[in-house]
Amino acid sequence: MASIFKKTKNAKVWHIAYCPQPNKRKVVRGCADYRATEALARKLETGAFERRRGIVDERADRAAKQQIRPLTDHVADFERYLLDKGNTEDYATMTATRTRVLLAGIDATASAHITLDRVQGWLADMQRKDGVKVKMGDVTVKVERFGASTRNHYTRAVRNFCRWMVKDNRATFDPLVALATVNADVDVKIKRRVLTAEQLQALLAATGTATSPVRFGLTGPERVLVYRLALSTGLRAGEIASLTVGDFHLDDGVVEVQAAYAKNRRRDELPLRADLLADLAAYLKGRPAAEQAIPAMPESDHTAEMLRGDLKATGIDPETPEGRYDFHALRHQFCSDLVASGANVKVAQALARHSTPVLTIGRYSHVRVHDRQAAVEALPDLSRPTPEPEQQRATGTDDAVAPVAPAVAHRGPDRAAEGNAGQALRLATPEGCGESRPLQDVGKRAVGHNLAMTGNAKQTGEGGIRTPVTPKGQADFKSAAFSRSATSPATSSRTATTRPGRRGRPPPATIPQAKSLLRSRQRCRSAVASYRPSLNLASFNHRHTAATKARQHGGWPL
């Protein structure tokens, strides 16, 4: 049981003694009011009892205690976590510094003060305002206006911090789970460009002369070697500075980048051009493998100044409205030349050592003016007229002859014994050639050929389509091709007169003829379907019955 007491007789504050664990007594300070202290003691005793029985979650209890600690202590632990994880010291320091600046900007001293609206509002203000002062403890720092890319860096830093708080059981939930990055292309503070091949050749030629001054400890020929190495491999300034003589495997034609100095934390081997191998072999000849390959290679902060001086000496403006050209722009130049050479997207991504091809193609690859012009010139030339074809098909327009109606003929007298109602019939064309079509397509084929038959057209031979003149003067469309006495198409000859009509439509006289032909075909198909079993029998009675019924419906389809 918890006990309430005063340490001295005249003391104004009550104290509480209770046992959070068995055989372990703890004394905490209460308040001047006895009843309030009694309520606090009752709460402490209840909590201790629930923890001993396992009712209270230890993780939730630890998180509640961690939330009382100041955020500065959590950020210091987060920085040590990044170092223990294997990140570089620069990355851990930069991430922790960005987290401290953001938390100081929103006046957050405890984890409960980190909310989505406060963090997102501060980031938006920093992207609009310039020279905002942030007080970090006893020190006040001035923060310049954020670009979209810088805002994303701060967003990722504070999101990683909040995720780590949840993973380490320092918080029960992540308040910034919905915090998203912004499009970095709409507000680019540092815009880089690429040079043409002629400008690069002029830069290397002017820098490699004997009269070229020494810049940051490197002579002109040494700087040319560094530039060529960056242009042909895409290595960053820090990665070039970390190379040793043993990292160049000249026999294999590759250079090895150690994982400890690579941005992606992976060991990579990059191929070298043949012309660069000869110059590297002469420069590294006789030197120990553990020696730094470029001993006087300046720091990453000074490489941009070194290249800027060589560009000005060549007559090239380092910064134009298209963008600046610094040492990191050599990596952009490498990716742009890879894409322009027609390299595969996967190959370009592997050589650039990017996690996604979006970085290689979208951010590091630049399209130059002559590249766009060449692509436009490759489009088809629409100024020249299209040559007319030597021969065009008749379409039924004026001065054109419509195709003659095909004759549907029986392929032979022996087909009746075979008894297959679905067998193919031959559509004979005026030239004597034809094609096999199923019986059910005959009517459609006839309409498709634009049957142009006048009312007084005469047919010779029994294999054609007869159109005798009726007393009313209209063609009576009857087919002799379905009778048993039909002859072969080769022995039939016919003539027809046509009348020109509108394009794409048959002459008016052929429309009722085509409809009549379709109705005749449909009656034949119905009769054949009704008496299909009788066609395979040899009995004369069955054949006679089928023929009689078929003639009543418009003809015998054999």
Protein backbone atom coordinates (compact mmCIF):
# COMPACT_ATOMS: atom_id res chain seq x y z
CA MET A 1 0.00 0.00 0.00
CA ALA A 2 1.16 3.54 -0.71
CA SER A 3 1.83 5.79 2.24
CA ILE A 4 1.62 9.61 2.44
CA PHE A 5 3.87 11.52 4.81
CA LYS A 6 5.80 14.72 5.41
CA LYS A 7 9.54 14.61 5.69
CA THR A 8 9.51 17.21 8.46
CA LYS A 9 6.87 18.36 10.86
CA ASN A 10 6.64 21.84 9.36
CA ALA A 11 6.93 20.75 5.71
CA LYS A 12 4.24 22.03 3.35
CA VAL A 13 4.53 19.34 0.67
CA TRP A 14 3.38 15.77 1.08
CA HIS A 15 5.40 12.81 -0.24
CA ILE A 16 4.29 9.41 -1.48
CA ALA A 17 6.03 6.11 -0.89
CA TYR A 18 4.97 3.05 -2.91
CA CYS A 19 6.45 -0.14 -4.39
CA PRO A 20 6.54 -0.13 -8.24
CA GLN A 21 8.18 -3.57 -8.15
CA PRO A 22 8.39 -6.24 -5.46
CA ASN A 23 10.93 -5.43 -2.75
CA LYS A 24 11.62 -2.04 -4.30
CA ARG A 25 10.38 1.11 -2.55
CA LYS A 26 10.15 4.45 -4.31
CA VAL A 27 9.40 7.92 -2.93
CA VAL A 28 7.92 10.65 -5.11
CA ARG A 29 6.95 14.23 -4.33
CA GLY A 30 3.28 15.02 -4.03
CA CYS A 31 1.66 18.41 -3.52
CA ALA A 32 0.57 20.65 -0.64
CA ASP A 33 -3.03 19.43 -0.74
CA TYR A 34 -3.47 16.17 1.09
CA ARG A 35 -6.48 14.98 -0.93
CA ALA A 36 -4.73 15.67 -4.27
CA THR A 37 -1.67 13.80 -3.01
CA GLU A 38 -3.88 10.94 -1.90
CA ALA A 39 -5.45 10.71 -5.38
CA LEU A 40 -1.98 10.70 -6.94
CA ALA A 41 -0.84 7.96 -4.56
CA ARG A 42 -3.89 5.88 -5.42
CA LYS A 43 -3.10 6.26 -9.15
CA LEU A 44 0.55 5.27 -8.63
CA GLU A 45 -0.39 2.25 -6.59
CA THR A 46 -2.95 1.13 -9.18
CA GLY A 47 -0.41 1.50 -11.99
CA ALA A 48 2.19 -0.50 -10.10
CA PHE A 49 -0.31 -3.24 -9.41
CA GLU A 50 -1.36 -3.45 -13.12
CA ARG A 51 2.24 -3.61 -14.26
CA ARG A 52 3.03 -6.41 -11.82
CA ARG A 53 0.04 -8.37 -13.08
CA GLY A 54 0.86 -7.71 -16.75
CA ILE A 55 -2.27 -5.68 -17.41
CA VAL A 56 -0.36 -2.58 -18.55
CA ASP A 57 1.71 -2.85 -21.78
CA GLU A 58 5.37 -2.26 -21.07
CA ARG A 59 5.90 -0.67 -24.48
CA ALA A 60 3.12 1.85 -23.96
CA ASP A 61 4.45 2.60 -20.48
CA ARG A 62 7.96 3.19 -21.86
CA ALA A 63 6.62 5.39 -24.64
CA ALA A 64 4.73 7.49 -22.14
CA LYS A 65 7.94 8.03 -20.15
CA GLN A 66 9.94 8.86 -23.30
CA GLN A 67 7.46 11.51 -24.34
CA ILE A 68 8.35 13.51 -21.26
CA ARG A 69 12.00 13.80 -22.35
CA PRO A 70 13.01 16.91 -24.34
CA LEU A 71 13.30 16.56 -28.12
CA THR A 72 16.94 17.64 -28.10
CA ASP A 73 17.84 14.40 -26.30
CA HIS A 74 15.88 12.37 -28.86
CA VAL A 75 17.63 14.08 -31.78
CA ALA A 76 21.04 13.35 -30.22
CA ASP A 77 20.09 9.68 -29.89
CA PHE A 78 18.83 9.73 -33.49
CA GLU A 79 22.19 11.00 -34.72
CA ARG A 80 24.02 8.22 -32.87
CA TYR A 81 21.59 5.72 -34.37
CA LEU A 82 22.45 6.91 -37.90
CA LEU A 83 26.17 6.53 -37.21
CA ASP A 84 25.72 3.07 -35.70
CA LYS A 85 23.67 2.07 -38.71
CA GLY A 86 26.67 2.60 -40.98
CA ASN A 87 25.93 5.99 -42.52
CA THR A 88 28.70 8.48 -43.08
CA GLU A 89 29.38 11.13 -40.51
CA ASP A 90 28.45 13.90 -42.96
CA TYR A 91 25.06 12.35 -43.66
CA ALA A 92 24.28 11.77 -39.98
CA THR A 93 25.29 15.31 -39.03
CA MET A 94 23.36 16.90 -41.89
CA THR A 95 20.18 14.92 -41.16
CA ALA A 96 20.31 15.70 -37.45
CA THR A 97 20.98 19.40 -38.13
CA ARG A 98 18.01 19.68 -40.48
CA THR A 99 15.82 17.98 -37.89
CA ARG A 100 16.98 20.38 -35.15
CA VAL A 101 16.35 23.43 -37.35
CA LEU A 102 12.83 22.30 -38.25
CA LEU A 103 11.89 21.46 -34.64
CA ALA A 104 13.23 24.81 -33.46
CA GLY A 105 11.31 26.55 -36.24
CA ILE A 106 7.97 25.15 -35.03
CA ASP A 107 8.89 25.69 -31.33
CA ALA A 108 8.58 22.00 -30.51
CA THR A 109 10.08 20.94 -27.18
CA ALA A 110 8.21 17.64 -26.76
CA SER A 111 7.05 14.96 -29.17
CA ALA A 112 3.42 16.03 -28.67
CA HIS A 113 4.25 19.38 -30.30
CA ILE A 114 5.09 17.73 -33.65
CA THR A 115 1.94 17.96 -35.76
CA LEU A 116 1.33 17.79 -39.48
CA ASP A 117 -0.10 21.29 -39.86
CA ARG A 118 2.74 22.96 -37.96
CA VAL A 119 5.49 21.18 -39.89
CA GLN A 120 3.87 21.64 -43.29
CA GLY A 121 3.09 25.29 -42.59
CA TRP A 122 6.68 26.03 -41.57
CA LEU A 123 8.08 24.34 -44.68
CA ALA A 124 5.72 26.35 -46.89
CA ASP A 125 6.76 29.59 -45.17
CA MET A 126 10.43 28.79 -45.64
CA GLN A 127 9.80 28.29 -49.36
CA ARG A 128 8.18 31.74 -49.61
CA LYS A 129 10.27 33.81 -47.18
CA ASP A 130 13.99 34.57 -47.13
CA GLY A 131 16.30 35.11 -44.19
CA VAL A 132 14.12 33.56 -41.48
CA LYS A 133 15.77 33.54 -38.06
CA VAL A 134 15.52 30.34 -36.05
CA LYS A 135 16.54 30.18 -32.39
CA MET A 136 18.25 26.91 -31.46
CA GLY A 137 18.86 27.06 -27.73
CA ASP A 138 21.18 29.96 -27.05
CA VAL A 139 22.14 30.34 -30.72
CA THR A 140 20.09 32.12 -33.40
CA VAL A 141 20.72 31.07 -36.99
CA LYS A 142 19.54 32.67 -40.21
CA VAL A 143 18.01 30.26 -42.71
CA GLU A 144 17.81 31.18 -46.39
CA ARG A 145 14.78 30.59 -48.54
CA PHE A 146 14.13 26.97 -49.39
CA GLY A 147 13.86 25.66 -52.88
CA ALA A 148 11.63 22.71 -53.63
CA SER A 149 14.57 20.31 -53.45
CA THR A 150 15.77 21.74 -50.10
CA ARG A 151 12.25 21.50 -48.72
CA ASN A 152 12.16 17.83 -49.68
CA HIS A 153 15.48 17.26 -47.86
CA TYR A 154 14.04 18.70 -44.65
CA THR A 155 10.84 16.71 -45.13
CA ARG A 156 12.73 13.43 -45.43
CA ALA A 157 14.90 14.24 -42.42
CA VAL A 158 12.01 14.91 -40.05
CA ARG A 159 10.01 11.96 -41.39
CA ASN A 160 12.94 9.63 -40.74
CA PHE A 161 13.20 11.04 -37.23
CA CYS A 162 9.51 10.39 -36.49
CA ARG A 163 9.68 6.87 -37.92
CA TRP A 164 12.68 6.13 -35.73
CA MET A 165 10.78 7.40 -32.69
CA VAL A 166 8.00 4.87 -33.33
CA LYS A 167 10.39 2.00 -34.08
CA ASP A 168 12.39 2.66 -30.91
CA ASN A 169 9.20 2.79 -28.83
CA ARG A 170 9.67 6.47 -28.02
CA ALA A 171 6.28 7.39 -29.54
CA THR A 172 3.05 5.49 -30.00
CA PHE A 173 2.29 6.82 -33.52
CA ASP A 174 3.89 8.77 -36.35
CA PRO A 175 2.33 12.27 -36.60
CA LEU A 176 3.94 12.95 -40.03
CA VAL A 177 2.86 9.81 -41.84
CA ALA A 178 0.86 11.97 -44.29
CA LEU A 179 3.65 14.51 -44.91
CA ALA A 180 4.58 14.35 -48.60
CA THR A 181 7.32 15.86 -50.71
CA VAL A 182 6.68 18.47 -53.39
CA ASN A 183 7.52 18.52 -57.08
CA ALA A 184 11.13 19.63 -57.27
CA ASP A 185 10.86 20.63 -60.94
CA VAL A 186 8.58 23.61 -60.35
CA ASP A 187 11.08 25.51 -58.18
CA VAL A 188 14.67 24.73 -59.09
CA LYS A 189 17.25 26.92 -57.36
CA ILE A 190 20.30 25.26 -58.95
CA LYS A 191 19.74 24.57 -62.63
CA ARG A 192 22.59 22.90 -64.49
CA ARG A 193 23.27 22.67 -68.20
CA VAL A 194 25.50 20.68 -70.55
CA LEU A 195 28.06 21.78 -73.13
CA THR A 196 28.45 20.76 -76.73
CA ALA A 197 31.27 18.52 -77.91
CA GLU A 198 33.07 21.50 -79.46
CA GLN A 199 32.96 23.42 -76.18
CA LEU A 200 34.29 20.44 -74.23
CA GLN A 201 37.16 19.97 -76.69
CA ALA A 202 38.02 23.66 -76.42
CA LEU A 203 37.94 23.45 -72.59
CA LEU A 204 40.27 20.44 -72.45
CA ALA A 205 42.63 21.91 -75.06
CA ALA A 206 42.93 25.26 -73.27
CA THR A 207 43.35 23.68 -69.82
CA GLY A 208 45.98 21.15 -70.89
CA THR A 209 48.47 23.66 -72.21
CA ALA A 210 51.81 24.19 -70.51
CA THR A 211 50.94 27.81 -69.71
CA SER A 212 47.79 26.84 -67.83
CA PRO A 213 48.08 27.99 -64.19
CA VAL A 214 47.97 25.68 -61.18
CA ARG A 215 44.57 25.68 -59.51
CA PHE A 216 44.07 24.25 -56.02
CA GLY A 217 47.29 22.24 -56.29
CA LEU A 218 46.54 20.65 -59.67
CA THR A 219 48.40 21.44 -62.85
CA GLY A 220 46.66 21.85 -66.19
CA PRO A 221 47.29 18.28 -67.45
CA GLU A 222 46.15 16.87 -64.08
CA ARG A 223 42.92 18.85 -64.23
CA VAL A 224 42.33 17.61 -67.77
CA LEU A 225 42.75 14.04 -66.53
CA VAL A 226 40.26 14.69 -63.72
CA TYR A 227 37.73 16.22 -66.11
CA ARG A 228 38.05 13.38 -68.59
CA LEU A 229 37.65 10.82 -65.80
CA ALA A 230 34.46 12.52 -64.63
CA LEU A 231 33.11 12.89 -68.18
CA SER A 232 33.69 9.25 -69.12
CA THR A 233 32.61 7.56 -65.84
CA GLY A 234 30.22 10.00 -64.14
CA LEU A 235 32.22 9.88 -60.89
CA ARG A 236 31.54 12.56 -58.31
CA ALA A 237 34.24 14.80 -56.89
CA GLY A 238 34.36 12.96 -53.56
CA GLU A 239 34.55 9.59 -55.29
CA ILE A 240 37.48 10.72 -57.46
CA ALA A 241 39.27 11.99 -54.37
CA SER A 242 38.85 8.58 -52.67
CA LEU A 243 40.41 6.59 -55.53
CA THR A 244 43.77 4.95 -54.98
CA VAL A 245 46.23 3.63 -57.54
CA GLY A 246 45.11 0.08 -56.75
CA ASP A 247 41.51 0.94 -57.62
CA PHE A 248 42.49 1.30 -61.29
CA HIS A 249 42.55 -2.16 -62.89
CA LEU A 250 44.11 -1.10 -66.17
CA ASP A 251 44.50 -4.64 -67.48
CA ASP A 252 40.74 -5.16 -67.18
CA GLY A 253 39.95 -1.61 -68.27
CA VAL A 254 37.83 -0.73 -65.19
CA VAL A 255 38.02 1.50 -62.13
CA GLU A 256 36.68 0.27 -58.79
CA VAL A 257 34.69 2.53 -56.47
CA GLN A 258 34.67 1.40 -52.86
CA ALA A 259 31.34 1.15 -51.07
CA ALA A 260 32.52 3.34 -48.19
CA TYR A 261 32.90 6.34 -50.51
CA ALA A 262 30.05 5.72 -52.94
CA LYS A 263 26.78 7.56 -52.48
CA ASN A 264 24.72 4.39 -52.92
CA ARG A 265 26.99 2.53 -50.45
CA ARG A 266 27.81 -0.17 -53.00
CA ARG A 267 31.04 -1.27 -54.58
CA ASP A 268 30.99 -0.71 -58.33
CA GLU A 269 33.31 -1.28 -61.26
CA LEU A 270 33.06 1.23 -64.09
CA PRO A 271 34.54 0.69 -67.58
CA LEU A 272 37.14 3.09 -68.93
CA ARG A 273 37.62 4.29 -72.49
CA ALA A 274 40.66 3.03 -74.38
CA ASP A 275 42.08 6.53 -74.97
CA LEU A 276 41.76 7.33 -71.25
CA LEU A 277 43.46 4.06 -70.23
CA ALA A 278 46.69 5.04 -72.00
CA ASP A 279 46.89 8.42 -70.22
CA LEU A 280 46.06 6.86 -66.84
CA ALA A 281 48.71 4.18 -67.30
CA ALA A 282 51.36 6.86 -67.94
CA TYR A 283 50.18 8.95 -64.97
CA LEU A 284 50.01 6.06 -62.45
CA LYS A 285 53.09 4.18 -63.61
CA GLY A 286 55.51 3.18 -60.81
CA ARG A 287 53.33 4.44 -57.94
CA PRO A 288 52.32 2.22 -54.96
CA ALA A 289 48.82 0.76 -54.95
CA ALA A 290 47.83 2.34 -51.62
CA GLU A 291 48.74 5.87 -52.72
CA GLN A 292 45.96 8.30 -53.57
CA ALA A 293 45.49 8.48 -57.33
CA ILE A 294 45.01 12.28 -57.42
CA PRO A 295 46.98 13.47 -54.38
CA ALA A 296 46.12 17.14 -54.73
CA MET A 297 42.45 16.62 -55.49
CA PRO A 298 40.62 19.54 -53.82
CA GLU A 299 37.60 19.24 -51.58
CA SER A 300 34.13 19.10 -53.07
CA ASP A 301 33.53 22.74 -52.13
CA HIS A 302 36.49 23.89 -54.25
CA THR A 303 36.02 21.78 -57.37
CA ALA A 304 33.33 24.14 -58.68
CA GLU A 305 35.69 27.10 -58.33
CA MET A 306 38.46 25.16 -60.08
CA LEU A 307 36.25 24.38 -63.08
CA ARG A 308 34.84 27.90 -63.11
CA GLY A 309 38.33 29.34 -63.56
CA ASP A 310 39.10 27.00 -66.48
CA LEU A 311 35.79 27.83 -68.16
CA LYS A 312 36.45 31.55 -67.96
CA ALA A 313 39.98 31.05 -69.35
CA THR A 314 38.47 29.18 -72.31
CA GLY A 315 35.87 31.88 -72.97
CA ILE A 316 32.85 29.87 -71.80
CA ASP A 317 30.42 31.53 -69.41
CA PRO A 318 30.05 29.28 -66.33
CA GLU A 319 26.48 30.45 -65.68
CA THR A 320 23.89 31.35 -68.32
CA PRO A 321 20.08 31.56 -68.33
CA GLU A 322 20.10 27.88 -69.35
CA GLY A 323 21.89 26.97 -66.10
CA ARG A 324 25.27 26.78 -64.44
CA TYR A 325 28.15 24.48 -65.31
CA ASP A 326 29.98 23.31 -62.19
CA PHE A 327 31.84 20.11 -61.37
CA HIS A 328 28.62 18.18 -60.75
CA ALA A 329 27.47 19.26 -64.21
CA LEU A 330 30.16 16.90 -65.56
CA ARG A 331 28.00 14.05 -64.25
CA HIS A 332 24.99 15.56 -66.03
CA GLN A 333 27.14 15.74 -69.17
CA PHE A 334 28.01 12.04 -68.82
CA CYS A 335 24.35 10.97 -68.51
CA SER A 336 23.24 13.24 -71.37
CA ASP A 337 25.93 11.90 -73.70
CA LEU A 338 24.96 8.33 -72.76
CA VAL A 339 21.34 8.90 -73.69
CA ALA A 340 22.25 10.80 -76.87
CA SER A 341 24.48 7.93 -77.97
CA GLY A 342 21.47 5.61 -78.05
CA ALA A 343 22.39 3.54 -74.99
CA ASN A 344 19.74 1.34 -73.43
CA VAL A 345 17.88 2.89 -70.50
CA LYS A 346 18.94 0.06 -68.20
CA VAL A 347 22.57 0.40 -69.27
CA ALA A 348 22.49 4.16 -68.71
CA GLN A 349 20.99 3.65 -65.24
CA ALA A 350 23.64 1.07 -64.33
CA LEU A 351 26.53 3.27 -65.49
CA ALA A 352 25.11 6.29 -63.67
CA ARG A 353 24.55 4.10 -60.56
CA HIS A 354 21.07 5.48 -59.95
CA SER A 355 18.36 3.70 -58.01
CA THR A 356 15.76 4.44 -60.68
CA PRO A 357 15.92 5.36 -64.38
CA VAL A 358 13.77 8.39 -63.62
CA LEU A 359 16.85 10.11 -62.19
CA THR A 360 18.98 9.19 -65.18
CA ILE A 361 16.50 10.21 -67.86
CA GLY A 362 14.44 12.84 -66.08
CA ARG A 363 16.96 14.84 -64.03
CA TYR A 364 20.47 14.13 -65.27
CA SER A 365 19.79 13.85 -68.99
CA HIS A 366 19.50 17.16 -70.86
CA VAL A 367 18.14 17.68 -74.37
CA ARG A 368 20.14 20.16 -76.41
CA VAL A 369 18.85 22.44 -79.15
CA HIS A 370 20.45 20.50 -82.01
CA ASP A 371 19.00 17.26 -80.60
CA ARG A 372 15.50 18.69 -80.80
CA GLN A 373 16.15 20.08 -84.26
CA ALA A 374 17.40 16.71 -85.52
CA ALA A 375 14.31 14.98 -84.14
CA VAL A 376 12.00 17.48 -85.87
CA GLU A 377 13.85 17.12 -89.18
CA ALA A 378 13.26 13.35 -89.02
CA LEU A 379 9.49 13.87 -89.31
CA PRO A 380 7.91 13.10 -92.72
CA ASP A 381 7.88 15.89 -95.31
CA LEU A 382 4.27 16.92 -95.90
CA SER A 383 4.99 19.74 -98.37
CA ARG A 384 5.31 17.39 -101.37
CA PRO A 385 2.09 15.97 -102.86
CA THR A 386 1.49 12.26 -102.62
CA PRO A 387 2.05 10.56 -106.03
CA GLU A 388 -1.11 9.33 -107.71
CA PRO A 389 -1.39 5.54 -108.13
CA GLU A 390 -1.04 4.27 -111.69
CA GLN A 391 -4.29 2.33 -111.56
CA GLN A 392 -7.29 2.73 -109.29
CA ARG A 393 -10.21 0.41 -108.72
CA ALA A 394 -13.62 1.34 -110.07
CA THR A 395 -15.82 2.56 -107.26
CA GLY A 396 -19.10 3.03 -109.07
CA THR A 397 -18.65 6.76 -109.79
CA ASP A 398 -19.17 8.41 -113.17
CA ASP A 399 -17.38 6.89 -116.16
CA ALA A 400 -16.81 3.68 -114.19
CA VAL A 401 -18.25 0.26 -114.87
CA ALA A 402 -19.80 -1.56 -111.96
CA PRO A 403 -18.93 -5.21 -111.55
CA VAL A 404 -21.24 -7.69 -113.21
CA ALA A 405 -23.43 -9.83 -110.99
CA PRO A 406 -21.79 -13.16 -110.29
CA ALA A 407 -23.39 -16.36 -111.43
CA VAL A 408 -24.00 -19.01 -108.81
CA ALA A 409 -23.49 -22.37 -110.46
CA HIS A 410 -23.59 -26.01 -109.46
CA ARG A 411 -20.12 -27.54 -109.32
CA GLY A 412 -21.17 -30.83 -110.84
CA PRO A 413 -24.01 -33.32 -111.24
CA ASP A 414 -22.56 -35.74 -108.72
CA ARG A 415 -22.85 -33.32 -105.79
CA ALA A 416 -26.44 -34.40 -105.17
CA ALA A 417 -25.33 -37.85 -104.05
CA GLU A 418 -22.88 -36.41 -101.52
CA GLY A 419 -25.74 -34.78 -99.64
CA ASN A 420 -23.84 -32.05 -97.77
CA ALA A 421 -26.00 -28.97 -97.63
CA GLY A 422 -23.15 -26.87 -96.21
CA GLN A 423 -20.75 -27.57 -99.07
CA ALA A 424 -19.12 -24.67 -100.84
CA LEU A 425 -20.54 -23.22 -104.01
CA ARG A 426 -18.50 -21.35 -106.59
CA LEU A 427 -19.14 -17.74 -107.41
CA ALA A 428 -18.19 -17.35 -111.02
CA THR A 429 -16.86 -13.94 -112.06
CA PRO A 430 -17.08 -12.54 -115.60
CA GLU A 431 -13.42 -13.47 -116.15
CA GLY A 432 -14.14 -17.13 -115.45
CA CYS A 433 -12.37 -17.31 -112.09
CA GLY A 434 -14.17 -17.86 -108.84
CA GLU A 435 -13.80 -18.62 -105.16
CA SER A 436 -15.45 -21.18 -102.89
CA ARG A 437 -17.94 -19.73 -100.45
CA PRO A 438 -20.27 -21.44 -97.94
CA LEU A 439 -23.90 -21.64 -98.89
CA GLN A 440 -24.97 -19.25 -96.17
CA ASP A 441 -22.71 -16.49 -97.58
CA VAL A 442 -24.12 -16.58 -101.11
CA GLY A 443 -26.75 -13.94 -100.51
CA LYS A 444 -24.29 -11.59 -98.84
CA ARG A 445 -21.81 -12.11 -101.66
CA ALA A 446 -24.43 -11.20 -104.23
CA VAL A 447 -25.26 -7.93 -102.50
CA GLY A 448 -21.56 -7.09 -102.10
CA HIS A 449 -21.00 -7.33 -105.86
CA ASN A 450 -23.60 -4.61 -106.60
CA LEU A 451 -25.78 -6.65 -108.95
CA ALA A 452 -26.58 -4.34 -111.86
CA MET A 453 -29.13 -5.97 -114.08
CA THR A 454 -31.62 -4.11 -116.22
CA GLY A 455 -35.18 -5.28 -116.79
CA ASN A 456 -34.56 -6.51 -120.35
CA ALA A 457 -31.18 -8.18 -119.76
CA LYS A 458 -30.89 -11.62 -121.36
CA GLN A 459 -28.89 -14.58 -120.08
CA THR A 460 -27.55 -17.38 -122.23
CA GLY A 461 -26.80 -20.76 -120.72
CA GLU A 462 -28.44 -22.51 -117.86
CA GLY A 463 -25.77 -21.67 -115.29
CA GLY A 464 -26.54 -17.95 -115.05
CA ILE A 465 -29.23 -15.88 -113.35
CA ARG A 466 -32.28 -15.36 -115.57
CA THR A 467 -34.26 -12.13 -115.43
CA PRO A 468 -37.15 -12.45 -117.89
CA VAL A 469 -39.31 -9.45 -118.54
CA THR A 470 -42.71 -9.63 -116.87
CA PRO A 471 -45.87 -8.05 -118.29
CA LYS A 472 -45.46 -5.20 -115.82
CA GLY A 473 -42.00 -4.44 -117.22
CA GLN A 474 -40.05 -5.36 -114.08
CA ALA A 475 -37.46 -8.10 -113.77
CA ASP A 476 -38.72 -11.30 -112.23
CA PHE A 477 -35.67 -12.53 -110.32
CA LYS A 478 -35.52 -16.34 -110.49
CA SER A 479 -32.47 -18.53 -110.13
CA ALA A 480 -31.69 -21.53 -112.31
CA ALA A 481 -28.44 -22.21 -110.49
CA PHE A 482 -30.24 -24.32 -107.87
CA SER A 483 -31.97 -26.66 -110.32
CA ARG A 484 -30.60 -30.13 -110.97
CA SER A 485 -30.05 -29.26 -114.64
CA ALA A 486 -27.58 -26.46 -113.92
CA THR A 487 -24.41 -26.55 -115.98
CA SER A 488 -20.81 -25.79 -115.05
CA PRO A 489 -19.74 -22.13 -114.88
CA ALA A 490 -17.09 -22.83 -117.49
CA THR A 491 -19.77 -23.62 -120.07
CA SER A 492 -21.99 -20.66 -119.29
CA SER A 493 -21.69 -17.32 -121.00
CA ARG A 494 -23.68 -14.21 -120.35
CA THR A 495 -23.77 -10.56 -121.06
CA ALA A 496 -25.16 -7.77 -118.95
CA THR A 497 -25.66 -4.12 -119.35
CA THR A 498 -25.05 -1.81 -116.42
CA ARG A 499 -26.03 1.67 -115.63
CA PRO A 500 -23.72 4.00 -113.68
CA GLY A 501 -24.89 4.95 -110.21
CA ARG A 502 -23.67 6.87 -107.18
CA ARG A 503 -20.38 5.93 -105.56
CA GLY A 504 -20.63 3.17 -102.98
CA ARG A 505 -24.28 2.33 -103.83
CA PRO A 506 -25.72 -0.04 -106.47
CA PRO A 507 -28.00 1.30 -109.20
CA PRO A 508 -31.64 1.55 -108.14
CA ALA A 509 -32.68 -1.33 -110.42
CA THR A 510 -30.50 -3.83 -108.56
CA ILE A 511 -31.93 -3.26 -105.06
CA PRO A 512 -35.20 -5.22 -105.54
CA GLN A 513 -33.30 -7.88 -107.47
CA ALA A 514 -30.84 -8.32 -104.60
CA LYS A 515 -33.67 -8.51 -102.08
CA SER A 516 -35.44 -11.13 -104.17
CA LEU A 517 -32.24 -13.16 -104.44
CA LEU A 518 -31.75 -13.05 -100.67
CA ARG A 519 -35.34 -14.20 -100.06
CA SER A 520 -34.78 -17.09 -102.49
CA ARG A 521 -31.59 -18.14 -100.71
CA GLN A 522 -33.29 -18.01 -97.34
CA ARG A 523 -36.14 -20.25 -98.54
CA CYS A 524 -33.59 -22.74 -99.91
CA ARG A 525 -31.67 -22.81 -96.62
CA SER A 526 -34.88 -23.38 -94.66
CA ALA A 527 -35.87 -26.29 -96.90
CA VAL A 528 -32.42 -27.89 -96.68
CA ALA A 529 -32.35 -27.53 -92.90
CA SER A 530 -35.77 -29.23 -92.64
CA TYR A 531 -34.83 -32.23 -94.83
CA ARG A 532 -31.12 -32.53 -94.10
CA PRO A 533 -31.27 -36.22 -92.96
CA SER A 534 -32.85 -37.26 -96.26
CA LEU A 535 -29.90 -36.06 -98.31
CA ASN A 536 -27.65 -38.88 -97.17
CA LEU A 537 -30.17 -41.66 -98.00
CA ALA A 538 -30.16 -43.57 -101.27
CA SER A 539 -33.90 -44.07 -101.26
CA PHE A 540 -35.61 -42.50 -104.26
CA ASN A 541 -38.72 -41.73 -102.24
CA HIS A 542 -36.79 -39.62 -99.72
CA ARG A 543 -34.98 -37.72 -102.46
CA HIS A 544 -38.20 -37.15 -104.34
CA THR A 545 -39.92 -35.79 -101.19
CA ALA A 546 -37.03 -33.43 -100.43
CA ALA A 547 -36.88 -32.19 -104.03
CA THR A 548 -40.60 -31.55 -104.10
CA LYS A 549 -40.54 -29.55 -100.88
CA ALA A 550 -37.48 -27.60 -101.99
CA ARG A 551 -39.04 -26.63 -105.32
CA GLN A 552 -42.04 -25.34 -103.45
CA HIS A 553 -39.75 -23.04 -101.46
CA GLY A 554 -37.89 -21.65 -104.46
CA GLY A 555 -35.34 -24.14 -105.80
CA TRP A 556 -33.05 -27.08 -104.90
CA PRO A 557 -29.68 -25.96 -103.44
CA LEU A 558 -27.29 -28.50 -104.93
